[in-house]
Amino acid sequence: NPYAGNASAIATGAKLFVSYNCMDCHGADGSGAMGPSLADGRWHFGGDDGEIFESIYQGRPDGMPAWGTLISPDQIWMLAAYVKSLETNKNPTTENFTGAAEARMGH
């Protein structure tokens, strides 16, 4: 990604995320809504920059539209840089798991 780590491009990507209504499906902070989270480090179609570019460019089955004919490759790269900046590399379903059994309380 020619914009990887570029703070200005990431800021532009954040604006594009809003202007192209990405947040309608992926949530305002990329944490997910009707579409998957972009911030939890789990990627169905791959999470490297090129794979994110392809997901935006080509779209994905079951909901992700193809944007490649509607926006420029530069804008897609800036969106990819922004999306990567959201990633926390945490799986929220397991991040607090220690392996220790816990007693059940209540009923």
PDB file of N, CA and C in Angstrom:
ATOM      1  N   ASN A   1       0.842  -1.178   0.000  1.00  0.00           N
ATOM      2  CA  ASN A   1       0.000   0.000   0.000  1.00  0.00           C
ATOM      3  C   ASN A   1       0.887   1.242   0.000  1.00  0.00           C
ATOM      4  N   PRO A   2       0.749   2.091  -0.996  1.00  0.00           N
ATOM      5  CA  PRO A   2       1.586   3.289  -1.036  1.00  0.00           C
ATOM      6  C   PRO A   2       1.281   4.272   0.098  1.00  0.00           C
ATOM      7  N   TYR A   3       0.173   4.084   0.799  1.00  0.00           N
ATOM      8  CA  TYR A   3      -0.219   4.990   1.872  1.00  0.00           C
ATOM      9  C   TYR A   3      -0.102   4.367   3.267  1.00  0.00           C
ATOM     10  N   ALA A   4       0.456   3.194   3.370  1.00  0.00           N
ATOM     11  CA  ALA A   4       0.595   2.523   4.665  1.00  0.00           C
ATOM     12  C   ALA A   4       1.378   3.406   5.628  1.00  0.00           C
ATOM     13  N   GLY A   5       0.821   3.648   6.796  1.00  0.00           N
ATOM     14  CA  GLY A   5       1.489   4.442   7.806  1.00  0.00           C
ATOM     15  C   GLY A   5       1.498   5.936   7.567  1.00  0.00           C
ATOM     16  N   ASN A   6       0.900   6.401   6.476  1.00  0.00           N
ATOM     17  CA  ASN A   6       0.868   7.819   6.141  1.00  0.00           C
ATOM     18  C   ASN A   6      -0.309   8.468   6.864  1.00  0.00           C
ATOM     19  N   ALA A   7      -0.027   9.266   7.888  1.00  0.00           N
ATOM     20  CA  ALA A   7      -1.078   9.840   8.733  1.00  0.00           C
ATOM     21  C   ALA A   7      -2.064  10.679   7.934  1.00  0.00           C
ATOM     22  N   SER A   8      -1.584  11.422   6.977  1.00  0.00           N
ATOM     23  CA  SER A   8      -2.470  12.258   6.161  1.00  0.00           C
ATOM     24  C   SER A   8      -3.410  11.397   5.318  1.00  0.00           C
ATOM     25  N   ALA A   9      -2.880  10.348   4.711  1.00  0.00           N
ATOM     26  CA  ALA A   9      -3.703   9.443   3.892  1.00  0.00           C
ATOM     27  C   ALA A   9      -4.699   8.681   4.762  1.00  0.00           C
ATOM     28  N   ILE A  10      -4.286   8.301   5.962  1.00  0.00           N
ATOM     29  CA  ILE A  10      -5.190   7.599   6.882  1.00  0.00           C
ATOM     30  C   ILE A  10      -6.337   8.529   7.279  1.00  0.00           C
ATOM     31  N   ALA A  11      -6.035   9.811   7.519  1.00  0.00           N
ATOM     32  CA  ALA A  11      -7.076  10.788   7.843  1.00  0.00           C
ATOM     33  C   ALA A  11      -8.037  10.958   6.663  1.00  0.00           C
ATOM     34  N   THR A  12      -7.497  10.980   5.447  1.00  0.00           N
ATOM     35  CA  THR A  12      -8.355  11.054   4.263  1.00  0.00           C
ATOM     36  C   THR A  12      -9.193   9.792   4.146  1.00  0.00           C
ATOM     37  N   GLY A  13      -8.580   8.635   4.418  1.00  0.00           N
ATOM     38  CA  GLY A  13      -9.316   7.371   4.400  1.00  0.00           C
ATOM     39  C   GLY A  13     -10.473   7.374   5.391  1.00  0.00           C
ATOM     40  N   ALA A  14     -10.263   7.987   6.558  1.00  0.00           N
ATOM     41  CA  ALA A  14     -11.335   8.087   7.559  1.00  0.00           C
ATOM     42  C   ALA A  14     -12.497   8.917   7.013  1.00  0.00           C
ATOM     43  N   LYS A  15     -12.179   9.994   6.308  1.00  0.00           N
ATOM     44  CA  LYS A  15     -13.226  10.831   5.699  1.00  0.00           C
ATOM     45  C   LYS A  15     -13.950  10.070   4.590  1.00  0.00           C
ATOM     46  N   LEU A  16     -13.205   9.307   3.809  1.00  0.00           N
ATOM     47  CA  LEU A  16     -13.822   8.497   2.760  1.00  0.00           C
ATOM     48  C   LEU A  16     -14.730   7.425   3.364  1.00  0.00           C
ATOM     49  N   PHE A  17     -14.311   6.845   4.467  1.00  0.00           N
ATOM     50  CA  PHE A  17     -15.097   5.829   5.183  1.00  0.00           C
ATOM     51  C   PHE A  17     -16.476   6.383   5.534  1.00  0.00           C
ATOM     52  N   VAL A  18     -16.511   7.643   5.941  1.00  0.00           N
ATOM     53  CA  VAL A  18     -17.778   8.306   6.257  1.00  0.00           C
ATOM     54  C   VAL A  18     -18.530   8.660   4.977  1.00  0.00           C
ATOM     55  N   SER A  19     -17.841   9.280   4.015  1.00  0.00           N
ATOM     56  CA  SER A  19     -18.528   9.782   2.818  1.00  0.00           C
ATOM     57  C   SER A  19     -19.070   8.671   1.926  1.00  0.00           C
ATOM     58  N   TYR A  20     -18.437   7.504   1.938  1.00  0.00           N
ATOM     59  CA  TYR A  20     -18.945   6.377   1.147  1.00  0.00           C
ATOM     60  C   TYR A  20     -19.852   5.460   1.966  1.00  0.00           C
ATOM     61  N   ASN A  21     -20.230   5.923   3.153  1.00  0.00           N
ATOM     62  CA  ASN A  21     -21.176   5.206   4.025  1.00  0.00           C
ATOM     63  C   ASN A  21     -20.696   3.824   4.452  1.00  0.00           C
ATOM     64  N   CYS A  22     -19.401   3.635   4.546  1.00  0.00           N
ATOM     65  CA  CYS A  22     -18.863   2.360   5.026  1.00  0.00           C
ATOM     66  C   CYS A  22     -19.338   2.079   6.449  1.00  0.00           C
ATOM     67  N   MET A  23     -19.496   3.171   7.213  1.00  0.00           N
ATOM     68  CA  MET A  23     -19.890   3.008   8.608  1.00  0.00           C
ATOM     69  C   MET A  23     -21.317   2.490   8.755  1.00  0.00           C
ATOM     70  N   ASP A  24     -22.143   2.630   7.734  1.00  0.00           N
ATOM     71  CA  ASP A  24     -23.499   2.091   7.823  1.00  0.00           C
ATOM     72  C   ASP A  24     -23.476   0.585   8.054  1.00  0.00           C
ATOM     73  N   CYS A  25     -22.525  -0.096   7.453  1.00  0.00           N
ATOM     74  CA  CYS A  25     -22.426  -1.550   7.618  1.00  0.00           C
ATOM     75  C   CYS A  25     -21.363  -1.955   8.640  1.00  0.00           C
ATOM     76  N   HIS A  26     -20.263  -1.215   8.680  1.00  0.00           N
ATOM     77  CA  HIS A  26     -19.126  -1.618   9.513  1.00  0.00           C
ATOM     78  C   HIS A  26     -19.034  -0.856  10.837  1.00  0.00           C
ATOM     79  N   GLY A  27     -19.976   0.033  11.112  1.00  0.00           N
ATOM     80  CA  GLY A  27     -19.963   0.798  12.354  1.00  0.00           C
ATOM     81  C   GLY A  27     -19.091   2.035  12.244  1.00  0.00           C
ATOM     82  N   ALA A  28     -19.425   3.042  13.047  1.00  0.00           N
ATOM     83  CA  ALA A  28     -18.711   4.319  12.982  1.00  0.00           C
ATOM     84  C   ALA A  28     -17.224   4.165  13.264  1.00  0.00           C
ATOM     85  N   ASP A  29     -16.869   3.257  14.146  1.00  0.00           N
ATOM     86  CA  ASP A  29     -15.460   3.047  14.490  1.00  0.00           C
ATOM     87  C   ASP A  29     -14.913   1.746  13.912  1.00  0.00           C
ATOM     88  N   GLY A  30     -15.660   1.186  12.958  1.00  0.00           N
ATOM     89  CA  GLY A  30     -15.230  -0.061  12.330  1.00  0.00           C
ATOM     90  C   GLY A  30     -15.431  -1.295  13.179  1.00  0.00           C
ATOM     91  N   SER A  31     -16.175  -1.163  14.284  1.00  0.00           N
ATOM     92  CA  SER A  31     -16.338  -2.290  15.201  1.00  0.00           C
ATOM     93  C   SER A  31     -17.437  -3.260  14.778  1.00  0.00           C
ATOM     94  N   GLY A  32     -18.083  -2.973  13.667  1.00  0.00           N
ATOM     95  CA  GLY A  32     -19.090  -3.884  13.135  1.00  0.00           C
ATOM     96  C   GLY A  32     -20.502  -3.396  13.386  1.00  0.00           C
ATOM     97  N   ALA A  33     -21.361  -3.738  12.471  1.00  0.00           N
ATOM     98  CA  ALA A  33     -22.794  -3.469  12.574  1.00  0.00           C
ATOM     99  C   ALA A  33     -23.448  -4.623  11.823  1.00  0.00           C
ATOM    100  N   MET A  34     -24.120  -4.350  10.709  1.00  0.00           N
ATOM    101  CA  MET A  34     -24.638  -5.473   9.932  1.00  0.00           C
ATOM    102  C   MET A  34     -23.511  -6.139   9.133  1.00  0.00           C
ATOM    103  N   GLY A  35     -22.444  -5.395   8.921  1.00  0.00           N
ATOM    104  CA  GLY A  35     -21.241  -5.939   8.302  1.00  0.00           C
ATOM    105  C   GLY A  35     -20.228  -6.289   9.387  1.00  0.00           C
ATOM    106  N   PRO A  36     -19.191  -7.028   9.038  1.00  0.00           N
ATOM    107  CA  PRO A  36     -18.233  -7.477  10.054  1.00  0.00           C
ATOM    108  C   PRO A  36     -17.382  -6.344  10.615  1.00  0.00           C
ATOM    109  N   SER A  37     -16.844  -6.589  11.788  1.00  0.00           N
ATOM    110  CA  SER A  37     -15.896  -5.670  12.406  1.00  0.00           C
ATOM    111  C   SER A  37     -14.632  -5.596  11.552  1.00  0.00           C
ATOM    112  N   LEU A  38     -14.072  -4.405  11.492  1.00  0.00           N
ATOM    113  CA  LEU A  38     -12.787  -4.201  10.818  1.00  0.00           C
ATOM    114  C   LEU A  38     -11.681  -3.942  11.828  1.00  0.00           C
ATOM    115  N   ALA A  39     -12.019  -4.031  13.113  1.00  0.00           N
ATOM    116  CA  ALA A  39     -11.079  -3.647  14.157  1.00  0.00           C
ATOM    117  C   ALA A  39     -10.656  -4.799  15.062  1.00  0.00           C
ATOM    118  N   ASP A  40     -11.131  -6.000  14.798  1.00  0.00           N
ATOM    119  CA  ASP A  40     -10.855  -7.080  15.742  1.00  0.00           C
ATOM    120  C   ASP A  40      -9.744  -8.028  15.305  1.00  0.00           C
ATOM    121  N   GLY A  41      -9.118  -7.764  14.175  1.00  0.00           N
ATOM    122  CA  GLY A  41      -8.010  -8.598  13.738  1.00  0.00           C
ATOM    123  C   GLY A  41      -8.418  -9.896  13.070  1.00  0.00           C
ATOM    124  N   ARG A  42      -9.725 -10.084  12.852  1.00  0.00           N
ATOM    125  CA  ARG A  42     -10.193 -11.294  12.170  1.00  0.00           C
ATOM    126  C   ARG A  42     -10.682 -10.899  10.786  1.00  0.00           C
ATOM    127  N   TRP A  43     -10.173 -11.569   9.758  1.00  0.00           N
ATOM    128  CA  TRP A  43     -10.474 -11.208   8.371  1.00  0.00           C
ATOM    129  C   TRP A  43     -10.945 -12.435   7.612  1.00  0.00           C
ATOM    130  N   HIS A  44     -12.150 -12.371   7.094  1.00  0.00           N
ATOM    131  CA  HIS A  44     -12.704 -13.501   6.340  1.00  0.00           C
ATOM    132  C   HIS A  44     -11.994 -13.684   5.005  1.00  0.00           C
ATOM    133  N   PHE A  45     -11.624 -12.594   4.363  1.00  0.00           N
ATOM    134  CA  PHE A  45     -10.994 -12.665   3.043  1.00  0.00           C
ATOM    135  C   PHE A  45      -9.546 -12.205   3.066  1.00  0.00           C
ATOM    136  N   GLY A  46      -8.929 -12.151   4.235  1.00  0.00           N
ATOM    137  CA  GLY A  46      -7.531 -11.763   4.360  1.00  0.00           C
ATOM    138  C   GLY A  46      -7.385 -10.317   4.776  1.00  0.00           C
ATOM    139  N   GLY A  47      -6.423 -10.057   5.648  1.00  0.00           N
ATOM    140  CA  GLY A  47      -6.262  -8.739   6.216  1.00  0.00           C
ATOM    141  C   GLY A  47      -5.000  -8.002   5.840  1.00  0.00           C
ATOM    142  N   ASP A  48      -4.250  -8.502   4.853  1.00  0.00           N
ATOM    143  CA  ASP A  48      -3.113  -7.673   4.449  1.00  0.00           C
ATOM    144  C   ASP A  48      -3.621  -6.573   3.517  1.00  0.00           C
ATOM    145  N   ASP A  49      -2.801  -5.579   3.285  1.00  0.00           N
ATOM    146  CA  ASP A  49      -3.244  -4.404   2.528  1.00  0.00           C
ATOM    147  C   ASP A  49      -3.825  -4.761   1.166  1.00  0.00           C
ATOM    148  N   GLY A  50      -3.162  -5.653   0.448  1.00  0.00           N
ATOM    149  CA  GLY A  50      -3.638  -6.042  -0.884  1.00  0.00           C
ATOM    150  C   GLY A  50      -4.982  -6.753  -0.836  1.00  0.00           C
ATOM    151  N   GLU A  51      -5.167  -7.584   0.180  1.00  0.00           N
ATOM    152  CA  GLU A  51      -6.441  -8.305   0.307  1.00  0.00           C
ATOM    153  C   GLU A  51      -7.575  -7.353   0.688  1.00  0.00           C
ATOM    154  N   ILE A  52      -7.282  -6.367   1.518  1.00  0.00           N
ATOM    155  CA  ILE A  52      -8.292  -5.363   1.856  1.00  0.00           C
ATOM    156  C   ILE A  52      -8.630  -4.543   0.616  1.00  0.00           C
ATOM    157  N   PHE A  53      -7.607  -4.161  -0.149  1.00  0.00           N
ATOM    158  CA  PHE A  53      -7.838  -3.448  -1.413  1.00  0.00           C
ATOM    159  C   PHE A  53      -8.782  -4.253  -2.299  1.00  0.00           C
ATOM    160  N   GLU A  54      -8.503  -5.537  -2.461  1.00  0.00           N
ATOM    161  CA  GLU A  54      -9.337  -6.392  -3.314  1.00  0.00           C
ATOM    162  C   GLU A  54     -10.766  -6.493  -2.788  1.00  0.00           C
ATOM    163  N   SER A  55     -10.938  -6.565  -1.473  1.00  0.00           N
ATOM    164  CA  SER A  55     -12.289  -6.626  -0.910  1.00  0.00           C
ATOM    165  C   SER A  55     -13.080  -5.368  -1.248  1.00  0.00           C
ATOM    166  N   ILE A  56     -12.414  -4.215  -1.170  1.00  0.00           N
ATOM    167  CA  ILE A  56     -13.087  -2.959  -1.503  1.00  0.00           C
ATOM    168  C   ILE A  56     -13.301  -2.866  -3.010  1.00  0.00           C
ATOM    169  N   TYR A  57     -12.275  -3.190  -3.779  1.00  0.00           N
ATOM    170  CA  TYR A  57     -12.330  -3.060  -5.237  1.00  0.00           C
ATOM    171  C   TYR A  57     -13.362  -4.010  -5.853  1.00  0.00           C
ATOM    172  N   GLN A  58     -13.281  -5.290  -5.507  1.00  0.00           N
ATOM    173  CA  GLN A  58     -14.131  -6.311  -6.129  1.00  0.00           C
ATOM    174  C   GLN A  58     -15.442  -6.548  -5.397  1.00  0.00           C
ATOM    175  N   GLY A  59     -15.509  -6.163  -4.117  1.00  0.00           N
ATOM    176  CA  GLY A  59     -16.649  -6.527  -3.294  1.00  0.00           C
ATOM    177  C   GLY A  59     -16.506  -7.966  -2.840  1.00  0.00           C
ATOM    178  N   ARG A  60     -17.443  -8.394  -2.011  1.00  0.00           N
ATOM    179  CA  ARG A  60     -17.439  -9.763  -1.494  1.00  0.00           C
ATOM    180  C   ARG A  60     -18.857 -10.287  -1.448  1.00  0.00           C
ATOM    181  N   PRO A  61     -19.023 -11.612  -1.539  1.00  0.00           N
ATOM    182  CA  PRO A  61     -20.378 -12.185  -1.533  1.00  0.00           C
ATOM    183  C   PRO A  61     -21.152 -11.802  -0.270  1.00  0.00           C
ATOM    184  N   ASP A  62     -22.431 -11.765  -0.404  1.00  0.00           N
ATOM    185  CA  ASP A  62     -23.348 -11.549   0.720  1.00  0.00           C
ATOM    186  C   ASP A  62     -23.262 -10.163   1.335  1.00  0.00           C
ATOM    187  N   GLY A  63     -23.071  -9.139   0.492  1.00  0.00           N
ATOM    188  CA  GLY A  63     -23.250  -7.808   1.020  1.00  0.00           C
ATOM    189  C   GLY A  63     -22.238  -6.740   0.678  1.00  0.00           C
ATOM    190  N   MET A  64     -20.959  -7.061   0.563  1.00  0.00           N
ATOM    191  CA  MET A  64     -19.962  -6.017   0.305  1.00  0.00           C
ATOM    192  C   MET A  64     -19.986  -5.645  -1.173  1.00  0.00           C
ATOM    193  N   PRO A  65     -20.407  -4.405  -1.483  1.00  0.00           N
ATOM    194  CA  PRO A  65     -20.450  -4.001  -2.895  1.00  0.00           C
ATOM    195  C   PRO A  65     -19.055  -3.781  -3.466  1.00  0.00           C
ATOM    196  N   ALA A  66     -18.945  -3.882  -4.766  1.00  0.00           N
ATOM    197  CA  ALA A  66     -17.693  -3.603  -5.468  1.00  0.00           C
ATOM    198  C   ALA A  66     -17.601  -2.098  -5.707  1.00  0.00           C
ATOM    199  N   TRP A  67     -16.503  -1.504  -5.268  1.00  0.00           N
ATOM    200  CA  TRP A  67     -16.305  -0.065  -5.420  1.00  0.00           C
ATOM    201  C   TRP A  67     -15.300   0.276  -6.515  1.00  0.00           C
ATOM    202  N   GLY A  68     -14.673  -0.720  -7.111  1.00  0.00           N
ATOM    203  CA  GLY A  68     -13.580  -0.485  -8.053  1.00  0.00           C
ATOM    204  C   GLY A  68     -13.921   0.348  -9.267  1.00  0.00           C
ATOM    205  N   THR A  69     -15.160   0.324  -9.706  1.00  0.00           N
ATOM    206  CA  THR A  69     -15.541   1.142 -10.863  1.00  0.00           C
ATOM    207  C   THR A  69     -16.081   2.505 -10.437  1.00  0.00           C
ATOM    208  N   LEU A  70     -16.212   2.722  -9.120  1.00  0.00           N
ATOM    209  CA  LEU A  70     -16.826   3.952  -8.622  1.00  0.00           C
ATOM    210  C   LEU A  70     -15.833   4.926  -7.998  1.00  0.00           C
ATOM    211  N   ILE A  71     -14.744   4.407  -7.442  1.00  0.00           N
ATOM    212  CA  ILE A  71     -13.757   5.274  -6.813  1.00  0.00           C
ATOM    213  C   ILE A  71     -12.363   4.896  -7.302  1.00  0.00           C
ATOM    214  N   SER A  72     -11.445   5.830  -7.168  1.00  0.00           N
ATOM    215  CA  SER A  72     -10.100   5.627  -7.724  1.00  0.00           C
ATOM    216  C   SER A  72      -9.295   4.632  -6.889  1.00  0.00           C
ATOM    217  N   PRO A  73      -8.317   3.998  -7.521  1.00  0.00           N
ATOM    218  CA  PRO A  73      -7.422   3.122  -6.757  1.00  0.00           C
ATOM    219  C   PRO A  73      -6.736   3.851  -5.594  1.00  0.00           C
ATOM    220  N   ASP A  74      -6.362   5.123  -5.791  1.00  0.00           N
ATOM    221  CA  ASP A  74      -5.743   5.876  -4.691  1.00  0.00           C
ATOM    222  C   ASP A  74      -6.680   5.971  -3.493  1.00  0.00           C
ATOM    223  N   GLN A  75      -7.957   6.243  -3.744  1.00  0.00           N
ATOM    224  CA  GLN A  75      -8.906   6.317  -2.640  1.00  0.00           C
ATOM    225  C   GLN A  75      -9.080   4.958  -1.975  1.00  0.00           C
ATOM    226  N   ILE A  76      -9.075   3.889  -2.763  1.00  0.00           N
ATOM    227  CA  ILE A  76      -9.187   2.546  -2.182  1.00  0.00           C
ATOM    228  C   ILE A  76      -7.975   2.257  -1.301  1.00  0.00           C
ATOM    229  N   TRP A  77      -6.772   2.637  -1.743  1.00  0.00           N
ATOM    230  CA  TRP A  77      -5.577   2.439  -0.919  1.00  0.00           C
ATOM    231  C   TRP A  77      -5.667   3.240   0.378  1.00  0.00           C
ATOM    232  N   MET A  78      -6.218   4.472   0.308  1.00  0.00           N
ATOM    233  CA  MET A  78      -6.361   5.282   1.526  1.00  0.00           C
ATOM    234  C   MET A  78      -7.390   4.651   2.467  1.00  0.00           C
ATOM    235  N   LEU A  79      -8.470   4.118   1.911  1.00  0.00           N
ATOM    236  CA  LEU A  79      -9.442   3.399   2.734  1.00  0.00           C
ATOM    237  C   LEU A  79      -8.798   2.179   3.379  1.00  0.00           C
ATOM    238  N   ALA A  80      -8.001   1.449   2.615  1.00  0.00           N
ATOM    239  CA  ALA A  80      -7.313   0.273   3.160  1.00  0.00           C
ATOM    240  C   ALA A  80      -6.365   0.675   4.285  1.00  0.00           C
ATOM    241  N   ALA A  81      -5.649   1.784   4.114  1.00  0.00           N
ATOM    242  CA  ALA A  81      -4.741   2.265   5.167  1.00  0.00           C
ATOM    243  C   ALA A  81      -5.535   2.627   6.416  1.00  0.00           C
ATOM    244  N   TYR A  82      -6.682   3.276   6.239  1.00  0.00           N
ATOM    245  CA  TYR A  82      -7.518   3.622   7.384  1.00  0.00           C
ATOM    246  C   TYR A  82      -8.032   2.367   8.079  1.00  0.00           C
ATOM    247  N   VAL A  83      -8.539   1.427   7.298  1.00  0.00           N
ATOM    248  CA  VAL A  83      -9.068   0.186   7.874  1.00  0.00           C
ATOM    249  C   VAL A  83      -7.983  -0.544   8.658  1.00  0.00           C
ATOM    250  N   LYS A  84      -6.777  -0.600   8.119  1.00  0.00           N
ATOM    251  CA  LYS A  84      -5.675  -1.243   8.849  1.00  0.00           C
ATOM    252  C   LYS A  84      -5.367  -0.507  10.152  1.00  0.00           C
ATOM    253  N   SER A  85      -5.573   0.797  10.175  1.00  0.00           N
ATOM    254  CA  SER A  85      -5.301   1.558  11.396  1.00  0.00           C
ATOM    255  C   SER A  85      -6.308   1.243  12.494  1.00  0.00           C
ATOM    256  N   LEU A  86      -7.452   0.669  12.138  1.00  0.00           N
ATOM    257  CA  LEU A  86      -8.483   0.308  13.107  1.00  0.00           C
ATOM    258  C   LEU A  86      -8.187  -1.018  13.797  1.00  0.00           C
ATOM    259  N   GLU A  87      -7.420  -1.849  13.135  1.00  0.00           N
ATOM    260  CA  GLU A  87      -7.188  -3.203  13.613  1.00  0.00           C
ATOM    261  C   GLU A  87      -6.451  -3.213  14.942  1.00  0.00           C
ATOM    262  N   THR A  88      -7.006  -3.941  15.894  1.00  0.00           N
ATOM    263  CA  THR A  88      -6.386  -4.031  17.209  1.00  0.00           C
ATOM    264  C   THR A  88      -5.678  -5.357  17.421  1.00  0.00           C
ATOM    265  N   ASN A  89      -5.832  -6.285  16.463  1.00  0.00           N
ATOM    266  CA  ASN A  89      -5.258  -7.629  16.578  1.00  0.00           C
ATOM    267  C   ASN A  89      -5.769  -8.378  17.793  1.00  0.00           C
ATOM    268  N   LYS A  90      -6.954  -8.052  18.233  1.00  0.00           N
ATOM    269  CA  LYS A  90      -7.551  -8.752  19.360  1.00  0.00           C
ATOM    270  C   LYS A  90      -8.798  -9.473  18.887  1.00  0.00           C
ATOM    271  N   ASN A  91      -8.971 -10.655  19.361  1.00  0.00           N
ATOM    272  CA  ASN A  91     -10.182 -11.400  19.110  1.00  0.00           C
ATOM    273  C   ASN A  91     -11.046 -11.212  20.346  1.00  0.00           C
ATOM    274  N   PRO A  92     -12.131 -10.434  20.254  1.00  0.00           N
ATOM    275  CA  PRO A  92     -12.890 -10.111  21.452  1.00  0.00           C
ATOM    276  C   PRO A  92     -13.540 -11.313  22.121  1.00  0.00           C
ATOM    277  N   THR A  93     -13.657 -12.414  21.415  1.00  0.00           N
ATOM    278  CA  THR A  93     -14.270 -13.588  22.031  1.00  0.00           C
ATOM    279  C   THR A  93     -13.296 -14.339  22.916  1.00  0.00           C
ATOM    280  N   THR A  94     -12.002 -14.078  22.784  1.00  0.00           N
ATOM    281  CA  THR A  94     -11.025 -14.838  23.556  1.00  0.00           C
ATOM    282  C   THR A  94     -10.012 -13.971  24.297  1.00  0.00           C
ATOM    283  N   GLU A  95     -10.055 -12.655  24.148  1.00  0.00           N
ATOM    284  CA  GLU A  95      -8.977 -11.849  24.704  1.00  0.00           C
ATOM    285  C   GLU A  95      -8.870 -11.919  26.219  1.00  0.00           C
ATOM    286  N   ASN A  96      -9.959 -12.246  26.931  1.00  0.00           N
ATOM    287  CA  ASN A  96      -9.895 -12.327  28.378  1.00  0.00           C
ATOM    288  C   ASN A  96      -9.774 -13.761  28.883  1.00  0.00           C
ATOM    289  N   PHE A  97      -9.666 -14.705  27.987  1.00  0.00           N
ATOM    290  CA  PHE A  97      -9.597 -16.112  28.374  1.00  0.00           C
ATOM    291  C   PHE A  97      -8.229 -16.433  28.958  1.00  0.00           C
ATOM    292  N   THR A  98      -8.230 -17.001  30.163  1.00  0.00           N
ATOM    293  CA  THR A  98      -6.970 -17.347  30.816  1.00  0.00           C
ATOM    294  C   THR A  98      -6.755 -18.850  30.887  1.00  0.00           C
ATOM    295  N   GLY A  99      -7.799 -19.614  30.591  1.00  0.00           N
ATOM    296  CA  GLY A  99      -7.690 -21.053  30.675  1.00  0.00           C
ATOM    297  C   GLY A  99      -8.116 -21.594  32.027  1.00  0.00           C
ATOM    298  N   ALA A 100      -8.296 -20.741  32.993  1.00  0.00           N
ATOM    299  CA  ALA A 100      -8.699 -21.171  34.330  1.00  0.00           C
ATOM    300  C   ALA A 100     -10.222 -21.337  34.402  1.00  0.00           C
ATOM    301  N   ALA A 101     -10.652 -22.384  35.101  1.00  0.00           N
ATOM    302  CA  ALA A 101     -12.087 -22.571  35.282  1.00  0.00           C
ATOM    303  C   ALA A 101     -12.608 -21.543  36.270  1.00  0.00           C
ATOM    304  N   GLU A 102     -13.812 -21.061  36.031  1.00  0.00           N
ATOM    305  CA  GLU A 102     -14.419 -20.121  36.942  1.00  0.00           C
ATOM    306  C   GLU A 102     -15.693 -20.707  37.500  1.00  0.00           C
ATOM    307  N   ALA A 103     -15.924 -20.477  38.777  1.00  0.00           N
ATOM    308  CA  ALA A 103     -17.143 -20.967  39.424  1.00  0.00           C
ATOM    309  C   ALA A 103     -18.340 -20.191  38.906  1.00  0.00           C
ATOM    310  N   ARG A 104     -19.425 -20.897  38.685  1.00  0.00           N
ATOM    311  CA  ARG A 104     -20.650 -20.229  38.264  1.00  0.00           C
ATOM    312  C   ARG A 104     -21.348 -19.654  39.472  1.00  0.00           C
ATOM    313  N   MET A 105     -21.835 -18.464  39.293  1.00  0.00           N
ATOM    314  CA  MET A 105     -22.542 -17.792  40.387  1.00  0.00           C
ATOM    315  C   MET A 105     -24.010 -17.651  39.986  1.00  0.00           C
ATOM    316  N   GLY A 106     -24.873 -17.556  40.935  1.00  0.00           N
ATOM    317  CA  GLY A 106     -26.277 -17.297  40.640  1.00  0.00           C
ATOM    318  C   GLY A 106     -27.065 -18.577  40.531  1.00  0.00           C
ATOM    319  N   HIS A 107     -27.935 -18.658  39.578  1.00  0.00           N
ATOM    320  CA  HIS A 107     -28.920 -19.746  39.454  1.00  0.00           C
ATOM    321  C   HIS A 107     -28.266 -21.086  39.272  1.00  0.00           C
TER     322      HIS A 107
END
